[in-house]
mmCIF file of all heavy atoms, coordinates in Angstrom:
data_MODEL
# 
_entry.id   MODEL 
# 
loop_
_atom_site.group_PDB 
_atom_site.id 
_atom_site.type_symbol 
_atom_site.label_atom_id 
_atom_site.label_alt_id 
_atom_site.label_comp_id 
_atom_site.label_asym_id 
_atom_site.label_entity_id 
_atom_site.label_seq_id 
_atom_site.pdbx_PDB_ins_code 
_atom_site.Cartn_x 
_atom_site.Cartn_y 
_atom_site.Cartn_z 
_atom_site.occupancy 
_atom_site.B_iso_or_equiv 
_atom_site.pdbx_formal_charge 
_atom_site.auth_seq_id 
_atom_site.auth_comp_id 
_atom_site.auth_asym_id 
_atom_site.auth_atom_id 
_atom_site.pdbx_PDB_model_num 
ATOM 1   N N   . ALA A 1 1  ? 7.627   12.127 2.992  1.00 0.00 ? 1  ALA A N   1 
ATOM 2   C CA  . ALA A 1 1  ? 8.390   12.868 3.981  1.00 0.00 ? 1  ALA A CA  1 
ATOM 3   C C   . ALA A 1 1  ? 9.857   12.771 3.722  1.00 0.00 ? 1  ALA A C   1 
ATOM 4   O O   . ALA A 1 1  ? 10.592  13.833 3.872  1.00 0.00 ? 1  ALA A O   1 
ATOM 5   C CB  . ALA A 1 1  ? 8.146   12.200 5.369  1.00 0.00 ? 1  ALA A CB  1 
ATOM 6   N N   . ARG A 1 2  ? 10.377  11.644 3.324  1.00 0.00 ? 2  ARG A N   1 
ATOM 7   C CA  . ARG A 1 2  ? 11.822  11.509 2.981  1.00 0.00 ? 2  ARG A CA  1 
ATOM 8   C C   . ARG A 1 2  ? 12.270  12.345 1.817  1.00 0.00 ? 2  ARG A C   1 
ATOM 9   O O   . ARG A 1 2  ? 13.300  12.914 1.741  1.00 0.00 ? 2  ARG A O   1 
ATOM 10  C CB  . ARG A 1 2  ? 12.146  10.030 2.659  1.00 0.00 ? 2  ARG A CB  1 
ATOM 11  C CG  . ARG A 1 2  ? 12.101  9.131  3.905  1.00 0.00 ? 2  ARG A CG  1 
ATOM 12  C CD  . ARG A 1 2  ? 12.794  7.778  3.561  1.00 0.00 ? 2  ARG A CD  1 
ATOM 13  N NE  . ARG A 1 2  ? 12.226  7.075  2.479  1.00 0.00 ? 2  ARG A NE  1 
ATOM 14  C CZ  . ARG A 1 2  ? 11.150  6.218  2.603  1.00 0.00 ? 2  ARG A CZ  1 
ATOM 15  N NH1 . ARG A 1 2  ? 10.594  6.037  3.751  1.00 0.00 ? 2  ARG A NH1 1 
ATOM 16  N NH2 . ARG A 1 2  ? 10.715  5.605  1.485  1.00 0.00 ? 2  ARG A NH2 1 
ATOM 17  N N   . SER A 1 3  ? 11.317  12.462 0.796  1.00 0.00 ? 3  SER A N   1 
ATOM 18  C CA  . SER A 1 3  ? 11.675  13.194 -0.422 1.00 0.00 ? 3  SER A CA  1 
ATOM 19  C C   . SER A 1 3  ? 11.527  14.725 -0.266 1.00 0.00 ? 3  SER A C   1 
ATOM 20  O O   . SER A 1 3  ? 11.989  15.454 -1.141 1.00 0.00 ? 3  SER A O   1 
ATOM 21  C CB  . SER A 1 3  ? 10.772  12.722 -1.548 1.00 0.00 ? 3  SER A CB  1 
ATOM 22  O OG  . SER A 1 3  ? 9.418   13.057 -1.361 1.00 0.00 ? 3  SER A OG  1 
ATOM 23  N N   . GLY A 1 4  ? 10.759  15.190 0.764  1.00 0.00 ? 4  GLY A N   1 
ATOM 24  C CA  . GLY A 1 4  ? 10.496  16.550 0.826  1.00 0.00 ? 4  GLY A CA  1 
ATOM 25  C C   . GLY A 1 4  ? 9.457   17.097 -0.071 1.00 0.00 ? 4  GLY A C   1 
ATOM 26  O O   . GLY A 1 4  ? 9.370   18.304 -0.449 1.00 0.00 ? 4  GLY A O   1 
ATOM 27  N N   . ALA A 1 5  ? 8.534   16.157 -0.575 1.00 0.00 ? 5  ALA A N   1 
ATOM 28  C CA  . ALA A 1 5  ? 7.522   16.552 -1.464 1.00 0.00 ? 5  ALA A CA  1 
ATOM 29  C C   . ALA A 1 5  ? 6.612   17.616 -0.862 1.00 0.00 ? 5  ALA A C   1 
ATOM 30  O O   . ALA A 1 5  ? 6.366   17.612 0.350  1.00 0.00 ? 5  ALA A O   1 
ATOM 31  C CB  . ALA A 1 5  ? 6.686   15.305 -1.878 1.00 0.00 ? 5  ALA A CB  1 
ATOM 32  N N   . ARG A 1 6  ? 6.039   18.460 -1.716 1.00 0.00 ? 6  ARG A N   1 
ATOM 33  C CA  . ARG A 1 6  ? 5.161   19.513 -1.224 1.00 0.00 ? 6  ARG A CA  1 
ATOM 34  C C   . ARG A 1 6  ? 3.680   19.039 -1.244 1.00 0.00 ? 6  ARG A C   1 
ATOM 35  O O   . ARG A 1 6  ? 2.845   19.633 -0.626 1.00 0.00 ? 6  ARG A O   1 
ATOM 36  C CB  . ARG A 1 6  ? 5.320   20.739 -2.061 1.00 0.00 ? 6  ARG A CB  1 
ATOM 37  C CG  . ARG A 1 6  ? 6.685   21.398 -1.886 1.00 0.00 ? 6  ARG A CG  1 
ATOM 38  C CD  . ARG A 1 6  ? 6.895   22.597 -2.840 1.00 0.00 ? 6  ARG A CD  1 
ATOM 39  N NE  . ARG A 1 6  ? 5.921   23.592 -2.648 1.00 0.00 ? 6  ARG A NE  1 
ATOM 40  C CZ  . ARG A 1 6  ? 5.770   24.652 -3.394 1.00 0.00 ? 6  ARG A CZ  1 
ATOM 41  N NH1 . ARG A 1 6  ? 6.581   24.806 -4.483 1.00 0.00 ? 6  ARG A NH1 1 
ATOM 42  N NH2 . ARG A 1 6  ? 4.830   25.581 -3.261 1.00 0.00 ? 6  ARG A NH2 1 
ATOM 43  N N   . LEU A 1 7  ? 3.373   17.991 -2.054 1.00 0.00 ? 7  LEU A N   1 
ATOM 44  C CA  . LEU A 1 7  ? 2.057   17.439 -2.151 1.00 0.00 ? 7  LEU A CA  1 
ATOM 45  C C   . LEU A 1 7  ? 2.143   15.936 -2.490 1.00 0.00 ? 7  LEU A C   1 
ATOM 46  O O   . LEU A 1 7  ? 2.945   15.534 -3.367 1.00 0.00 ? 7  LEU A O   1 
ATOM 47  C CB  . LEU A 1 7  ? 1.242   18.148 -3.204 1.00 0.00 ? 7  LEU A CB  1 
ATOM 48  C CG  . LEU A 1 7  ? -0.202  17.584 -3.490 1.00 0.00 ? 7  LEU A CG  1 
ATOM 49  C CD1 . LEU A 1 7  ? -1.055  17.846 -2.242 1.00 0.00 ? 7  LEU A CD1 1 
ATOM 50  C CD2 . LEU A 1 7  ? -0.778  18.255 -4.715 1.00 0.00 ? 7  LEU A CD2 1 
ATOM 51  N N   . LEU A 1 8  ? 1.426   15.120 -1.733 1.00 0.00 ? 8  LEU A N   1 
ATOM 52  C CA  . LEU A 1 8  ? 1.309   13.737 -2.057 1.00 0.00 ? 8  LEU A CA  1 
ATOM 53  C C   . LEU A 1 8  ? -0.078  13.476 -2.647 1.00 0.00 ? 8  LEU A C   1 
ATOM 54  O O   . LEU A 1 8  ? -1.106  13.784 -2.029 1.00 0.00 ? 8  LEU A O   1 
ATOM 55  C CB  . LEU A 1 8  ? 1.511   12.841 -0.794 1.00 0.00 ? 8  LEU A CB  1 
ATOM 56  C CG  . LEU A 1 8  ? 1.174   11.382 -0.901 1.00 0.00 ? 8  LEU A CG  1 
ATOM 57  C CD1 . LEU A 1 8  ? 2.063   10.680 -1.986 1.00 0.00 ? 8  LEU A CD1 1 
ATOM 58  C CD2 . LEU A 1 8  ? 1.353   10.691 0.479  1.00 0.00 ? 8  LEU A CD2 1 
ATOM 59  N N   . VAL A 1 9  ? -0.146  12.914 -3.864 1.00 0.00 ? 9  VAL A N   1 
ATOM 60  C CA  . VAL A 1 9  ? -1.368  12.487 -4.430 1.00 0.00 ? 9  VAL A CA  1 
ATOM 61  C C   . VAL A 1 9  ? -1.416  10.953 -4.439 1.00 0.00 ? 9  VAL A C   1 
ATOM 62  O O   . VAL A 1 9  ? -0.613  10.284 -5.065 1.00 0.00 ? 9  VAL A O   1 
ATOM 63  C CB  . VAL A 1 9  ? -1.522  12.991 -5.911 1.00 0.00 ? 9  VAL A CB  1 
ATOM 64  C CG1 . VAL A 1 9  ? -2.845  12.512 -6.511 1.00 0.00 ? 9  VAL A CG1 1 
ATOM 65  C CG2 . VAL A 1 9  ? -1.340  14.499 -5.931 1.00 0.00 ? 9  VAL A CG2 1 
ATOM 66  N N   . LEU A 1 10 ? -2.296  10.383 -3.643 1.00 0.00 ? 10 LEU A N   1 
ATOM 67  C CA  . LEU A 1 10 ? -2.406  8.936  -3.466 1.00 0.00 ? 10 LEU A CA  1 
ATOM 68  C C   . LEU A 1 10 ? -3.282  8.355  -4.485 1.00 0.00 ? 10 LEU A C   1 
ATOM 69  O O   . LEU A 1 10 ? -4.385  8.766  -4.770 1.00 0.00 ? 10 LEU A O   1 
ATOM 70  C CB  . LEU A 1 10 ? -3.021  8.692  -2.082 1.00 0.00 ? 10 LEU A CB  1 
ATOM 71  C CG  . LEU A 1 10 ? -2.660  7.361  -1.407 1.00 0.00 ? 10 LEU A CG  1 
ATOM 72  C CD1 . LEU A 1 10 ? -1.206  7.245  -1.083 1.00 0.00 ? 10 LEU A CD1 1 
ATOM 73  C CD2 . LEU A 1 10 ? -3.489  7.218  -0.066 1.00 0.00 ? 10 LEU A CD2 1 
ATOM 74  N N   . THR A 1 11 ? -2.693  7.335  -5.223 1.00 0.00 ? 11 THR A N   1 
ATOM 75  C CA  . THR A 1 11 ? -3.375  6.760  -6.399 1.00 0.00 ? 11 THR A CA  1 
ATOM 76  C C   . THR A 1 11 ? -3.299  5.248  -6.367 1.00 0.00 ? 11 THR A C   1 
ATOM 77  O O   . THR A 1 11 ? -2.875  4.676  -5.294 1.00 0.00 ? 11 THR A O   1 
ATOM 78  C CB  . THR A 1 11 ? -2.798  7.372  -7.677 1.00 0.00 ? 11 THR A CB  1 
ATOM 79  O OG1 . THR A 1 11 ? -3.670  7.007  -8.824 1.00 0.00 ? 11 THR A OG1 1 
ATOM 80  C CG2 . THR A 1 11 ? -1.367  6.868  -7.958 1.00 0.00 ? 11 THR A CG2 1 
ATOM 81  N N   . HIS A 1 12 ? -3.629  4.565  -7.456 1.00 0.00 ? 12 HIS A N   1 
ATOM 82  C CA  . HIS A 1 12 ? -3.786  3.132  -7.528 1.00 0.00 ? 12 HIS A CA  1 
ATOM 83  C C   . HIS A 1 12 ? -4.733  2.663  -6.366 1.00 0.00 ? 12 HIS A C   1 
ATOM 84  O O   . HIS A 1 12 ? -4.429  1.756  -5.594 1.00 0.00 ? 12 HIS A O   1 
ATOM 85  C CB  . HIS A 1 12 ? -2.441  2.448  -7.316 1.00 0.00 ? 12 HIS A CB  1 
ATOM 86  C CG  . HIS A 1 12 ? -2.407  1.021  -7.789 1.00 0.00 ? 12 HIS A CG  1 
ATOM 87  N ND1 . HIS A 1 12 ? -2.685  -0.035 -7.003 1.00 0.00 ? 12 HIS A ND1 1 
ATOM 88  C CD2 . HIS A 1 12 ? -2.077  0.421  -9.000 1.00 0.00 ? 12 HIS A CD2 1 
ATOM 89  C CE1 . HIS A 1 12 ? -2.521  -1.173 -7.582 1.00 0.00 ? 12 HIS A CE1 1 
ATOM 90  N NE2 . HIS A 1 12 ? -2.171  -0.876 -8.866 1.00 0.00 ? 12 HIS A NE2 1 
ATOM 91  N N   . LEU A 1 13 ? -5.913  3.249  -6.415 1.00 0.00 ? 13 LEU A N   1 
ATOM 92  C CA  . LEU A 1 13 ? -6.860  3.089  -5.246 1.00 0.00 ? 13 LEU A CA  1 
ATOM 93  C C   . LEU A 1 13 ? -7.780  1.942  -5.604 1.00 0.00 ? 13 LEU A C   1 
ATOM 94  O O   . LEU A 1 13 ? -8.591  1.985  -6.490 1.00 0.00 ? 13 LEU A O   1 
ATOM 95  C CB  . LEU A 1 13 ? -7.672  4.415  -5.119 1.00 0.00 ? 13 LEU A CB  1 
ATOM 96  C CG  . LEU A 1 13 ? -6.837  5.623  -4.823 1.00 0.00 ? 13 LEU A CG  1 
ATOM 97  C CD1 . LEU A 1 13 ? -7.761  6.876  -4.898 1.00 0.00 ? 13 LEU A CD1 1 
ATOM 98  C CD2 . LEU A 1 13 ? -6.133  5.531  -3.508 1.00 0.00 ? 13 LEU A CD2 1 
ATOM 99  N N   . ARG A 1 14 ? -7.655  0.866  -4.848 1.00 0.00 ? 14 ARG A N   1 
ATOM 100 C CA  . ARG A 1 14 ? -8.411  -0.306 -5.051 1.00 0.00 ? 14 ARG A CA  1 
ATOM 101 C C   . ARG A 1 14 ? -9.837  -0.082 -4.554 1.00 0.00 ? 14 ARG A C   1 
ATOM 102 O O   . ARG A 1 14 ? -10.046 0.338  -3.407 1.00 0.00 ? 14 ARG A O   1 
ATOM 103 C CB  . ARG A 1 14 ? -7.765  -1.555 -4.372 1.00 0.00 ? 14 ARG A CB  1 
ATOM 104 C CG  . ARG A 1 14 ? -6.446  -1.929 -5.057 1.00 0.00 ? 14 ARG A CG  1 
ATOM 105 C CD  . ARG A 1 14 ? -5.597  -2.826 -4.285 1.00 0.00 ? 14 ARG A CD  1 
ATOM 106 N NE  . ARG A 1 14 ? -4.664  -3.618 -5.149 1.00 0.00 ? 14 ARG A NE  1 
ATOM 107 C CZ  . ARG A 1 14 ? -3.753  -4.390 -4.694 1.00 0.00 ? 14 ARG A CZ  1 
ATOM 108 N NH1 . ARG A 1 14 ? -3.502  -4.530 -3.402 1.00 0.00 ? 14 ARG A NH1 1 
ATOM 109 N NH2 . ARG A 1 14 ? -2.938  -5.044 -5.540 1.00 0.00 ? 14 ARG A NH2 1 
ATOM 110 N N   . SER A 1 15 ? -10.824 -0.438 -5.376 1.00 0.00 ? 15 SER A N   1 
ATOM 111 C CA  . SER A 1 15 ? -12.236 -0.129 -5.056 1.00 0.00 ? 15 SER A CA  1 
ATOM 112 C C   . SER A 1 15 ? -12.791 -0.786 -3.819 1.00 0.00 ? 15 SER A C   1 
ATOM 113 O O   . SER A 1 15 ? -13.680 -0.192 -3.231 1.00 0.00 ? 15 SER A O   1 
ATOM 114 C CB  . SER A 1 15 ? -13.114 -0.496 -6.311 1.00 0.00 ? 15 SER A CB  1 
ATOM 115 O OG  . SER A 1 15 ? -13.053 -1.822 -6.536 1.00 0.00 ? 15 SER A OG  1 
ATOM 116 N N   . TRP A 1 16 ? -12.169 -1.835 -3.392 1.00 0.00 ? 16 TRP A N   1 
ATOM 117 C CA  . TRP A 1 16 ? -12.727 -2.611 -2.220 1.00 0.00 ? 16 TRP A CA  1 
ATOM 118 C C   . TRP A 1 16 ? -12.108 -2.120 -0.940 1.00 0.00 ? 16 TRP A C   1 
ATOM 119 O O   . TRP A 1 16 ? -12.488 -2.616 0.141  1.00 0.00 ? 16 TRP A O   1 
ATOM 120 C CB  . TRP A 1 16 ? -12.438 -4.091 -2.398 1.00 0.00 ? 16 TRP A CB  1 
ATOM 121 C CG  . TRP A 1 16 ? -11.099 -4.444 -2.605 1.00 0.00 ? 16 TRP A CG  1 
ATOM 122 C CD1 . TRP A 1 16 ? -10.137 -4.748 -1.674 1.00 0.00 ? 16 TRP A CD1 1 
ATOM 123 C CD2 . TRP A 1 16 ? -10.375 -4.621 -3.905 1.00 0.00 ? 16 TRP A CD2 1 
ATOM 124 N NE1 . TRP A 1 16 ? -8.906  -5.075 -2.290 1.00 0.00 ? 16 TRP A NE1 1 
ATOM 125 C CE2 . TRP A 1 16 ? -9.031  -5.011 -3.628 1.00 0.00 ? 16 TRP A CE2 1 
ATOM 126 C CE3 . TRP A 1 16 ? -10.789 -4.464 -5.217 1.00 0.00 ? 16 TRP A CE3 1 
ATOM 127 C CZ2 . TRP A 1 16 ? -8.124  -5.215 -4.667 1.00 0.00 ? 16 TRP A CZ2 1 
ATOM 128 C CZ3 . TRP A 1 16 ? -9.840  -4.671 -6.234 1.00 0.00 ? 16 TRP A CZ3 1 
ATOM 129 C CH2 . TRP A 1 16 ? -8.548  -5.002 -5.932 1.00 0.00 ? 16 TRP A CH2 1 
ATOM 130 N N   . LEU A 1 17 ? -11.157 -1.161 -0.995 1.00 0.00 ? 17 LEU A N   1 
ATOM 131 C CA  . LEU A 1 17 ? -10.583 -0.626 0.251  1.00 0.00 ? 17 LEU A CA  1 
ATOM 132 C C   . LEU A 1 17 ? -11.260 0.674  0.688  1.00 0.00 ? 17 LEU A C   1 
ATOM 133 O O   . LEU A 1 17 ? -11.923 1.334  -0.111 1.00 0.00 ? 17 LEU A O   1 
ATOM 134 C CB  . LEU A 1 17 ? -9.096  -0.361 0.015  1.00 0.00 ? 17 LEU A CB  1 
ATOM 135 C CG  . LEU A 1 17 ? -8.194  -1.603 -0.333 1.00 0.00 ? 17 LEU A CG  1 
ATOM 136 C CD1 . LEU A 1 17 ? -6.760  -1.091 -0.555 1.00 0.00 ? 17 LEU A CD1 1 
ATOM 137 C CD2 . LEU A 1 17 ? -8.296  -2.620 0.757  1.00 0.00 ? 17 LEU A CD2 1 
ATOM 138 N N   . ASP A 1 18 ? -11.098 0.962  1.941  1.00 0.00 ? 18 ASP A N   1 
ATOM 139 C CA  . ASP A 1 18 ? -11.561 2.230  2.481  1.00 0.00 ? 18 ASP A CA  1 
ATOM 140 C C   . ASP A 1 18 ? -10.658 3.358  2.116  1.00 0.00 ? 18 ASP A C   1 
ATOM 141 O O   . ASP A 1 18 ? -9.588  3.469  2.724  1.00 0.00 ? 18 ASP A O   1 
ATOM 142 C CB  . ASP A 1 18 ? -11.741 2.048  3.973  1.00 0.00 ? 18 ASP A CB  1 
ATOM 143 C CG  . ASP A 1 18 ? -12.340 3.288  4.704  1.00 0.00 ? 18 ASP A CG  1 
ATOM 144 O OD1 . ASP A 1 18 ? -12.234 4.440  4.130  1.00 0.00 ? 18 ASP A OD1 1 
ATOM 145 O OD2 . ASP A 1 18 ? -12.803 3.183  5.840  1.00 0.00 ? 18 ASP A OD2 1 
ATOM 146 N N   . HIS A 1 19 ? -11.035 4.196  1.156  1.00 0.00 ? 19 HIS A N   1 
ATOM 147 C CA  . HIS A 1 19 ? -10.097 5.213  0.661  1.00 0.00 ? 19 HIS A CA  1 
ATOM 148 C C   . HIS A 1 19 ? -9.888  6.316  1.757  1.00 0.00 ? 19 HIS A C   1 
ATOM 149 O O   . HIS A 1 19 ? -8.785  6.881  1.756  1.00 0.00 ? 19 HIS A O   1 
ATOM 150 C CB  . HIS A 1 19 ? -10.674 5.832  -0.594 1.00 0.00 ? 19 HIS A CB  1 
ATOM 151 C CG  . HIS A 1 19 ? -10.710 4.872  -1.752 1.00 0.00 ? 19 HIS A CG  1 
ATOM 152 N ND1 . HIS A 1 19 ? -11.230 5.141  -2.995 1.00 0.00 ? 19 HIS A ND1 1 
ATOM 153 C CD2 . HIS A 1 19 ? -10.259 3.537  -1.817 1.00 0.00 ? 19 HIS A CD2 1 
ATOM 154 C CE1 . HIS A 1 19 ? -11.137 4.129  -3.755 1.00 0.00 ? 19 HIS A CE1 1 
ATOM 155 N NE2 . HIS A 1 19 ? -10.524 3.184  -3.110 1.00 0.00 ? 19 HIS A NE2 1 
ATOM 156 N N   . GLY A 1 20 ? -10.892 6.538  2.564  1.00 0.00 ? 20 GLY A N   1 
ATOM 157 C CA  . GLY A 1 20 ? -10.642 7.482  3.673  1.00 0.00 ? 20 GLY A CA  1 
ATOM 158 C C   . GLY A 1 20 ? -9.603  7.019  4.642  1.00 0.00 ? 20 GLY A C   1 
ATOM 159 O O   . GLY A 1 20 ? -8.750  7.834  5.103  1.00 0.00 ? 20 GLY A O   1 
ATOM 160 N N   . ARG A 1 21 ? -9.595  5.747  4.881  1.00 0.00 ? 21 ARG A N   1 
ATOM 161 C CA  . ARG A 1 21 ? -8.583  5.206  5.744  1.00 0.00 ? 21 ARG A CA  1 
ATOM 162 C C   . ARG A 1 21 ? -7.232  5.255  5.138  1.00 0.00 ? 21 ARG A C   1 
ATOM 163 O O   . ARG A 1 21 ? -6.194  5.524  5.814  1.00 0.00 ? 21 ARG A O   1 
ATOM 164 C CB  . ARG A 1 21 ? -8.963  3.751  6.176  1.00 0.00 ? 21 ARG A CB  1 
ATOM 165 C CG  . ARG A 1 21 ? -7.993  3.089  7.178  1.00 0.00 ? 21 ARG A CG  1 
ATOM 166 C CD  . ARG A 1 21 ? -8.383  1.653  7.456  1.00 0.00 ? 21 ARG A CD  1 
ATOM 167 N NE  . ARG A 1 21 ? -7.266  1.007  8.064  1.00 0.00 ? 21 ARG A NE  1 
ATOM 168 C CZ  . ARG A 1 21 ? -7.091  -0.306 8.067  1.00 0.00 ? 21 ARG A CZ  1 
ATOM 169 N NH1 . ARG A 1 21 ? -7.978  -1.067 7.472  1.00 0.00 ? 21 ARG A NH1 1 
ATOM 170 N NH2 . ARG A 1 21 ? -6.035  -0.860 8.685  1.00 0.00 ? 21 ARG A NH2 1 
ATOM 171 N N   . LEU A 1 22 ? -7.112  5.004  3.820  1.00 0.00 ? 22 LEU A N   1 
ATOM 172 C CA  . LEU A 1 22 ? -5.846  5.119  3.081  1.00 0.00 ? 22 LEU A CA  1 
ATOM 173 C C   . LEU A 1 22 ? -5.311  6.606  3.231  1.00 0.00 ? 22 LEU A C   1 
ATOM 174 O O   . LEU A 1 22 ? -4.122  6.751  3.471  1.00 0.00 ? 22 LEU A O   1 
ATOM 175 C CB  . LEU A 1 22 ? -6.027  4.781  1.613  1.00 0.00 ? 22 LEU A CB  1 
ATOM 176 C CG  . LEU A 1 22 ? -6.343  3.363  1.218  1.00 0.00 ? 22 LEU A CG  1 
ATOM 177 C CD1 . LEU A 1 22 ? -6.734  3.218  -0.208 1.00 0.00 ? 22 LEU A CD1 1 
ATOM 178 C CD2 . LEU A 1 22 ? -5.053  2.431  1.513  1.00 0.00 ? 22 LEU A CD2 1 
ATOM 179 N N   . LEU A 1 23 ? -6.199  7.513  3.075  1.00 0.00 ? 23 LEU A N   1 
ATOM 180 C CA  . LEU A 1 23 ? -5.779  8.957  3.079  1.00 0.00 ? 23 LEU A CA  1 
ATOM 181 C C   . LEU A 1 23 ? -5.262  9.229  4.571  1.00 0.00 ? 23 LEU A C   1 
ATOM 182 O O   . LEU A 1 23 ? -4.205  9.886  4.677  1.00 0.00 ? 23 LEU A O   1 
ATOM 183 C CB  . LEU A 1 23 ? -6.996  9.822  2.799  1.00 0.00 ? 23 LEU A CB  1 
ATOM 184 C CG  . LEU A 1 23 ? -6.729  11.338 2.827  1.00 0.00 ? 23 LEU A CG  1 
ATOM 185 C CD1 . LEU A 1 23 ? -5.727  11.759 1.768  1.00 0.00 ? 23 LEU A CD1 1 
ATOM 186 C CD2 . LEU A 1 23 ? -8.092  12.076 2.661  1.00 0.00 ? 23 LEU A CD2 1 
ATOM 187 N N   . ASP A 1 24 ? -5.963  8.741  5.551  1.00 0.00 ? 24 ASP A N   1 
ATOM 188 C CA  . ASP A 1 24 ? -5.523  9.016  6.954  1.00 0.00 ? 24 ASP A CA  1 
ATOM 189 C C   . ASP A 1 24 ? -4.149  8.378  7.199  1.00 0.00 ? 24 ASP A C   1 
ATOM 190 O O   . ASP A 1 24 ? -3.299  9.026  7.882  1.00 0.00 ? 24 ASP A O   1 
ATOM 191 C CB  . ASP A 1 24 ? -6.593  8.469  7.920  1.00 0.00 ? 24 ASP A CB  1 
ATOM 192 C CG  . ASP A 1 24 ? -7.883  9.243  7.948  1.00 0.00 ? 24 ASP A CG  1 
ATOM 193 O OD1 . ASP A 1 24 ? -7.908  10.391 7.418  1.00 0.00 ? 24 ASP A OD1 1 
ATOM 194 O OD2 . ASP A 1 24 ? -8.894  8.734  8.421  1.00 0.00 ? 24 ASP A OD2 1 
ATOM 195 N N   . GLU A 1 25 ? -4.012  7.181  6.738  1.00 0.00 ? 25 GLU A N   1 
ATOM 196 C CA  . GLU A 1 25 ? -2.671  6.506  6.984  1.00 0.00 ? 25 GLU A CA  1 
ATOM 197 C C   . GLU A 1 25 ? -1.553  7.259  6.294  1.00 0.00 ? 25 GLU A C   1 
ATOM 198 O O   . GLU A 1 25 ? -0.474  7.449  6.945  1.00 0.00 ? 25 GLU A O   1 
ATOM 199 C CB  . GLU A 1 25 ? -2.752  5.096  6.511  1.00 0.00 ? 25 GLU A CB  1 
ATOM 200 C CG  . GLU A 1 25 ? -1.462  4.316  6.754  1.00 0.00 ? 25 GLU A CG  1 
ATOM 201 C CD  . GLU A 1 25 ? -1.520  2.844  6.536  1.00 0.00 ? 25 GLU A CD  1 
ATOM 202 O OE1 . GLU A 1 25 ? -2.227  2.149  7.352  1.00 0.00 ? 25 GLU A OE1 1 
ATOM 203 O OE2 . GLU A 1 25 ? -0.959  2.352  5.555  1.00 0.00 ? 25 GLU A OE2 1 
ATOM 204 N N   . ALA A 1 26 ? -1.731  7.645  5.036  1.00 0.00 ? 26 ALA A N   1 
ATOM 205 C CA  . ALA A 1 26 ? -0.694  8.386  4.344  1.00 0.00 ? 26 ALA A CA  1 
ATOM 206 C C   . ALA A 1 26 ? -0.387  9.724  5.063  1.00 0.00 ? 26 ALA A C   1 
ATOM 207 O O   . ALA A 1 26 ? 0.770   10.125 5.199  1.00 0.00 ? 26 ALA A O   1 
ATOM 208 C CB  . ALA A 1 26 ? -1.049  8.640  2.883  1.00 0.00 ? 26 ALA A CB  1 
# 
C-alpha cells in the first residue's frame, strides 16, 4: 500500500503455516 504496487506476490511461504490465512492478512 505504501509503495503503490499494482500487484503483491506473497512468497517465503513456510510449509507449516496456513497460506490462505497469510493471503487474507496481506
